[in-house]
Amino acid sequence: MSSVHPLEKLKEDYVKIEEELQRLREQKKVLDEKFSSALGEEKKITEEMRKVRDPYQYNKMDMRLNMVSRSRREAESQREENERKIRGYEEELKIIKKRIEYLKPKSAGTEG
């Protein structure tokens, strides 16, 4: 019989999920930087637009603001999706950890 013991399978799954969780956390850092950069640029353009009186210049800045806002919204949705995945993987790790603890052989000294 060549089946893998359920405890070993759970441990393998645990390691795989931990690795994926670590990758997602690294990706989260990149997405956070992208989002904060776009947000900063958006605020900067808004401040500049308040000072501009020339309609041509204002329209030009408005178009640039729209592009930056779109990229910020995309980064924000990617961040939210990433955070949902992280929460899901963390919950999965908790469940697997409980299963591993349940399946671990008990020590012989506790029988009485």
N, C-alpha and C. Protein backbone atom coordinates (compact mmCIF):
# COMPACT_ATOMS: atom_id res chain seq x y z
N MET A 1 0.85 -1.17 0.00
CA MET A 1 0.00 0.00 0.00
C MET A 1 0.90 1.25 0.00
N SER A 2 0.70 2.13 -0.95
CA SER A 2 1.59 3.27 -1.11
C SER A 2 0.90 4.59 -0.74
N SER A 3 -0.07 4.55 0.13
CA SER A 3 -0.75 5.80 0.50
C SER A 3 0.06 6.55 1.55
N VAL A 4 -0.06 7.86 1.50
CA VAL A 4 0.66 8.70 2.44
C VAL A 4 -0.17 8.78 3.72
N HIS A 5 0.50 8.71 4.86
CA HIS A 5 -0.17 8.81 6.14
C HIS A 5 -0.85 10.18 6.24
N PRO A 6 -2.08 10.24 6.75
CA PRO A 6 -2.80 11.53 6.79
C PRO A 6 -2.05 12.62 7.55
N LEU A 7 -1.33 12.25 8.59
CA LEU A 7 -0.58 13.24 9.36
C LEU A 7 0.55 13.83 8.51
N GLU A 8 1.24 13.00 7.76
CA GLU A 8 2.31 13.49 6.88
C GLU A 8 1.74 14.38 5.78
N LYS A 9 0.60 14.00 5.24
CA LYS A 9 -0.05 14.80 4.19
C LYS A 9 -0.42 16.18 4.74
N LEU A 10 -0.96 16.21 5.96
CA LEU A 10 -1.31 17.48 6.57
C LEU A 10 -0.08 18.36 6.79
N LYS A 11 1.01 17.75 7.22
CA LYS A 11 2.25 18.51 7.44
C LYS A 11 2.76 19.09 6.12
N GLU A 12 2.68 18.31 5.05
CA GLU A 12 3.10 18.81 3.72
C GLU A 12 2.22 19.97 3.29
N ASP A 13 0.91 19.82 3.49
CA ASP A 13 -0.02 20.90 3.14
C ASP A 13 0.28 22.15 3.95
N TYR A 14 0.59 21.96 5.22
CA TYR A 14 0.90 23.08 6.11
C TYR A 14 2.11 23.86 5.60
N VAL A 15 3.14 23.13 5.20
CA VAL A 15 4.36 23.78 4.69
C VAL A 15 4.06 24.53 3.39
N LYS A 16 3.29 23.91 2.49
CA LYS A 16 2.95 24.57 1.22
C LYS A 16 2.16 25.84 1.45
N ILE A 17 1.21 25.78 2.36
CA ILE A 17 0.39 26.96 2.63
C ILE A 17 1.22 28.05 3.30
N GLU A 18 2.12 27.67 4.20
CA GLU A 18 3.01 28.66 4.82
C GLU A 18 3.86 29.38 3.77
N GLU A 19 4.37 28.61 2.80
CA GLU A 19 5.19 29.22 1.73
C GLU A 19 4.35 30.19 0.90
N GLU A 20 3.13 29.78 0.57
CA GLU A 20 2.26 30.64 -0.22
C GLU A 20 1.88 31.90 0.57
N LEU A 21 1.66 31.72 1.86
CA LEU A 21 1.33 32.85 2.71
C LEU A 21 2.50 33.84 2.77
N GLN A 22 3.70 33.33 2.85
CA GLN A 22 4.88 34.20 2.86
C GLN A 22 4.99 34.97 1.54
N ARG A 23 4.74 34.28 0.44
CA ARG A 23 4.78 34.93 -0.88
C ARG A 23 3.73 36.04 -0.96
N LEU A 24 2.53 35.77 -0.43
CA LEU A 24 1.47 36.78 -0.45
C LEU A 24 1.82 37.98 0.43
N ARG A 25 2.48 37.75 1.55
CA ARG A 25 2.87 38.85 2.42
C ARG A 25 3.92 39.74 1.74
N GLU A 26 4.83 39.12 1.00
CA GLU A 26 5.82 39.90 0.25
C GLU A 26 5.14 40.70 -0.85
N GLN A 27 4.17 40.06 -1.50
CA GLN A 27 3.42 40.74 -2.56
C GLN A 27 2.63 41.91 -1.96
N LYS A 28 2.13 41.75 -0.75
CA LYS A 28 1.38 42.80 -0.07
C LYS A 28 2.24 44.04 0.13
N LYS A 29 3.51 43.84 0.49
CA LYS A 29 4.41 44.97 0.67
C LYS A 29 4.54 45.77 -0.63
N VAL A 30 4.70 45.06 -1.74
CA VAL A 30 4.83 45.72 -3.04
C VAL A 30 3.55 46.47 -3.39
N LEU A 31 2.41 45.83 -3.15
CA LEU A 31 1.14 46.48 -3.46
C LEU A 31 0.90 47.70 -2.57
N ASP A 32 1.29 47.62 -1.30
CA ASP A 32 1.15 48.76 -0.40
C ASP A 32 1.99 49.94 -0.89
N GLU A 33 3.20 49.66 -1.33
CA GLU A 33 4.07 50.72 -1.85
C GLU A 33 3.47 51.36 -3.10
N LYS A 34 2.95 50.51 -3.98
CA LYS A 34 2.33 51.00 -5.22
C LYS A 34 1.12 51.88 -4.89
N PHE A 35 0.31 51.44 -3.95
CA PHE A 35 -0.88 52.19 -3.56
C PHE A 35 -0.51 53.53 -2.93
N SER A 36 0.42 53.50 -1.99
CA SER A 36 0.78 54.76 -1.31
C SER A 36 1.44 55.74 -2.27
N SER A 37 2.19 55.22 -3.22
CA SER A 37 2.81 56.08 -4.23
C SER A 37 1.73 56.77 -5.08
N ALA A 38 0.76 55.99 -5.53
CA ALA A 38 -0.32 56.55 -6.35
C ALA A 38 -1.16 57.53 -5.53
N LEU A 39 -1.39 57.21 -4.27
CA LEU A 39 -2.17 58.11 -3.42
C LEU A 39 -1.43 59.44 -3.21
N GLY A 40 -0.14 59.35 -2.99
CA GLY A 40 0.67 60.57 -2.83
C GLY A 40 0.66 61.42 -4.08
N GLU A 41 0.79 60.77 -5.22
CA GLU A 41 0.77 61.49 -6.50
C GLU A 41 -0.59 62.14 -6.71
N GLU A 42 -1.64 61.42 -6.36
CA GLU A 42 -3.00 61.96 -6.51
C GLU A 42 -3.19 63.21 -5.64
N LYS A 43 -2.72 63.18 -4.42
CA LYS A 43 -2.83 64.34 -3.53
C LYS A 43 -2.02 65.51 -4.06
N LYS A 44 -0.84 65.21 -4.58
CA LYS A 44 0.04 66.26 -5.11
C LYS A 44 -0.63 66.96 -6.30
N ILE A 45 -1.20 66.18 -7.19
CA ILE A 45 -1.85 66.76 -8.37
C ILE A 45 -3.06 67.60 -7.94
N THR A 46 -3.83 67.10 -6.97
CA THR A 46 -4.99 67.84 -6.49
C THR A 46 -4.58 69.19 -5.92
N GLU A 47 -3.51 69.20 -5.15
CA GLU A 47 -3.01 70.47 -4.60
C GLU A 47 -2.57 71.42 -5.71
N GLU A 48 -1.90 70.89 -6.72
CA GLU A 48 -1.46 71.72 -7.84
C GLU A 48 -2.65 72.28 -8.61
N MET A 49 -3.70 71.48 -8.74
CA MET A 49 -4.88 71.91 -9.49
C MET A 49 -5.57 73.08 -8.81
N ARG A 50 -5.50 73.14 -7.49
CA ARG A 50 -6.14 74.23 -6.74
C ARG A 50 -5.47 75.57 -7.03
N LYS A 51 -4.20 75.53 -7.38
CA LYS A 51 -3.43 76.75 -7.61
C LYS A 51 -3.51 77.24 -9.06
N VAL A 52 -3.89 76.36 -9.97
CA VAL A 52 -3.85 76.68 -11.41
C VAL A 52 -5.09 77.50 -11.80
N ARG A 53 -4.85 78.53 -12.62
CA ARG A 53 -5.94 79.37 -13.13
C ARG A 53 -6.17 79.16 -14.62
N ASP A 54 -5.17 78.68 -15.32
CA ASP A 54 -5.25 78.48 -16.76
C ASP A 54 -6.12 77.26 -17.07
N PRO A 55 -7.22 77.42 -17.82
CA PRO A 55 -8.11 76.29 -18.12
C PRO A 55 -7.41 75.15 -18.88
N TYR A 56 -6.51 75.50 -19.79
CA TYR A 56 -5.80 74.47 -20.55
C TYR A 56 -4.94 73.63 -19.60
N GLN A 57 -4.20 74.32 -18.75
CA GLN A 57 -3.33 73.63 -17.79
C GLN A 57 -4.17 72.80 -16.82
N TYR A 58 -5.31 73.34 -16.40
CA TYR A 58 -6.20 72.63 -15.48
C TYR A 58 -6.72 71.34 -16.11
N ASN A 59 -7.14 71.42 -17.37
CA ASN A 59 -7.64 70.22 -18.06
C ASN A 59 -6.54 69.17 -18.21
N LYS A 60 -5.34 69.63 -18.50
CA LYS A 60 -4.21 68.72 -18.63
C LYS A 60 -3.95 68.00 -17.31
N MET A 61 -3.99 68.75 -16.22
CA MET A 61 -3.77 68.15 -14.91
C MET A 61 -4.92 67.23 -14.52
N ASP A 62 -6.12 67.60 -14.93
CA ASP A 62 -7.29 66.77 -14.63
C ASP A 62 -7.17 65.41 -15.31
N MET A 63 -6.70 65.40 -16.55
CA MET A 63 -6.49 64.13 -17.25
C MET A 63 -5.43 63.29 -16.54
N ARG A 64 -4.36 63.94 -16.10
CA ARG A 64 -3.31 63.23 -15.37
C ARG A 64 -3.85 62.70 -14.04
N LEU A 65 -4.68 63.48 -13.37
CA LEU A 65 -5.30 63.05 -12.12
C LEU A 65 -6.19 61.83 -12.35
N ASN A 66 -6.92 61.82 -13.44
CA ASN A 66 -7.78 60.67 -13.75
C ASN A 66 -6.95 59.40 -13.95
N MET A 67 -5.84 59.53 -14.62
CA MET A 67 -4.97 58.35 -14.84
C MET A 67 -4.40 57.85 -13.52
N VAL A 68 -3.93 58.76 -12.69
CA VAL A 68 -3.36 58.38 -11.40
C VAL A 68 -4.45 57.78 -10.49
N SER A 69 -5.64 58.36 -10.52
CA SER A 69 -6.74 57.84 -9.71
C SER A 69 -7.12 56.43 -10.14
N ARG A 70 -7.12 56.20 -11.43
CA ARG A 70 -7.43 54.86 -11.94
C ARG A 70 -6.38 53.85 -11.46
N SER A 71 -5.12 54.23 -11.53
CA SER A 71 -4.08 53.30 -11.08
C SER A 71 -4.16 53.09 -9.57
N ARG A 72 -4.54 54.12 -8.81
CA ARG A 72 -4.72 53.97 -7.37
C ARG A 72 -5.86 53.01 -7.05
N ARG A 73 -6.97 53.15 -7.76
CA ARG A 73 -8.12 52.26 -7.54
C ARG A 73 -7.75 50.81 -7.87
N GLU A 74 -7.01 50.61 -8.95
CA GLU A 74 -6.57 49.26 -9.32
C GLU A 74 -5.66 48.69 -8.23
N ALA A 75 -4.73 49.50 -7.74
CA ALA A 75 -3.83 49.05 -6.68
C ALA A 75 -4.61 48.74 -5.41
N GLU A 76 -5.62 49.55 -5.14
CA GLU A 76 -6.44 49.32 -3.95
C GLU A 76 -7.22 48.01 -4.05
N SER A 77 -7.77 47.73 -5.22
CA SER A 77 -8.51 46.47 -5.37
C SER A 77 -7.56 45.27 -5.30
N GLN A 78 -6.36 45.41 -5.85
CA GLN A 78 -5.37 44.33 -5.75
C GLN A 78 -4.97 44.11 -4.29
N ARG A 79 -4.81 45.19 -3.54
CA ARG A 79 -4.49 45.09 -2.11
C ARG A 79 -5.59 44.35 -1.36
N GLU A 80 -6.84 44.72 -1.63
CA GLU A 80 -7.96 44.09 -0.94
C GLU A 80 -8.04 42.59 -1.27
N GLU A 81 -7.84 42.26 -2.54
CA GLU A 81 -7.85 40.85 -2.94
C GLU A 81 -6.72 40.09 -2.25
N ASN A 82 -5.56 40.70 -2.21
CA ASN A 82 -4.40 40.08 -1.56
C ASN A 82 -4.68 39.85 -0.07
N GLU A 83 -5.28 40.84 0.58
CA GLU A 83 -5.59 40.72 2.01
C GLU A 83 -6.62 39.62 2.26
N ARG A 84 -7.58 39.47 1.36
CA ARG A 84 -8.57 38.38 1.50
C ARG A 84 -7.89 37.03 1.39
N LYS A 85 -6.96 36.92 0.44
CA LYS A 85 -6.23 35.66 0.28
C LYS A 85 -5.40 35.36 1.52
N ILE A 86 -4.74 36.37 2.06
CA ILE A 86 -3.93 36.17 3.26
C ILE A 86 -4.80 35.68 4.42
N ARG A 87 -5.95 36.32 4.61
CA ARG A 87 -6.85 35.89 5.69
C ARG A 87 -7.30 34.44 5.48
N GLY A 88 -7.59 34.09 4.24
CA GLY A 88 -8.02 32.72 3.93
C GLY A 88 -6.93 31.71 4.22
N TYR A 89 -5.71 32.01 3.82
CA TYR A 89 -4.59 31.10 4.08
C TYR A 89 -4.31 31.00 5.58
N GLU A 90 -4.43 32.11 6.30
CA GLU A 90 -4.22 32.05 7.76
C GLU A 90 -5.25 31.16 8.43
N GLU A 91 -6.51 31.26 7.98
CA GLU A 91 -7.56 30.40 8.53
C GLU A 91 -7.28 28.93 8.20
N GLU A 92 -6.85 28.69 6.97
CA GLU A 92 -6.53 27.32 6.56
C GLU A 92 -5.39 26.75 7.42
N LEU A 93 -4.40 27.57 7.70
CA LEU A 93 -3.30 27.12 8.55
C LEU A 93 -3.79 26.76 9.96
N LYS A 94 -4.70 27.56 10.51
CA LYS A 94 -5.25 27.26 11.83
C LYS A 94 -5.97 25.92 11.83
N ILE A 95 -6.76 25.68 10.79
CA ILE A 95 -7.51 24.43 10.69
C ILE A 95 -6.57 23.24 10.58
N ILE A 96 -5.57 23.35 9.72
CA ILE A 96 -4.61 22.26 9.54
C ILE A 96 -3.84 22.02 10.83
N LYS A 97 -3.46 23.09 11.51
CA LYS A 97 -2.72 22.94 12.76
C LYS A 97 -3.55 22.18 13.79
N LYS A 98 -4.84 22.50 13.88
CA LYS A 98 -5.73 21.78 14.80
C LYS A 98 -5.82 20.30 14.43
N ARG A 99 -5.92 20.01 13.14
CA ARG A 99 -5.99 18.62 12.68
C ARG A 99 -4.71 17.87 13.01
N ILE A 100 -3.58 18.53 12.81
CA ILE A 100 -2.29 17.90 13.11
C ILE A 100 -2.22 17.57 14.61
N GLU A 101 -2.61 18.53 15.44
CA GLU A 101 -2.59 18.29 16.89
C GLU A 101 -3.51 17.13 17.26
N TYR A 102 -4.65 17.04 16.60
CA TYR A 102 -5.60 15.98 16.89
C TYR A 102 -5.06 14.61 16.48
N LEU A 103 -4.37 14.58 15.33
CA LEU A 103 -3.88 13.31 14.80
C LEU A 103 -2.55 12.86 15.39
N LYS A 104 -1.86 13.74 16.09
CA LYS A 104 -0.57 13.35 16.68
C LYS A 104 -0.80 12.23 17.69
N PRO A 105 0.08 11.24 17.66
CA PRO A 105 -0.06 10.15 18.64
C PRO A 105 0.15 10.69 20.06
N LYS A 106 -0.69 10.22 20.96
CA LYS A 106 -0.59 10.62 22.36
C LYS A 106 0.52 9.81 23.03
N SER A 107 1.14 10.38 24.04
CA SER A 107 2.23 9.66 24.73
C SER A 107 1.65 8.50 25.55
N ALA A 108 2.42 7.42 25.69
CA ALA A 108 1.95 6.20 26.36
C ALA A 108 1.80 6.41 27.86
N GLY A 109 2.44 7.38 28.44
CA GLY A 109 2.40 7.61 29.88
C GLY A 109 1.08 8.16 30.38
N THR A 110 0.21 8.60 29.50
CA THR A 110 -1.05 9.21 29.95
C THR A 110 -2.15 8.18 30.16
N GLU A 111 -1.92 6.95 29.76
CA GLU A 111 -2.96 5.93 29.95
C GLU A 111 -3.00 5.53 31.42
N GLY A 112 -4.17 5.25 31.95
CA GLY A 112 -4.16 4.94 33.35
C GLY A 112 -5.26 4.10 33.73
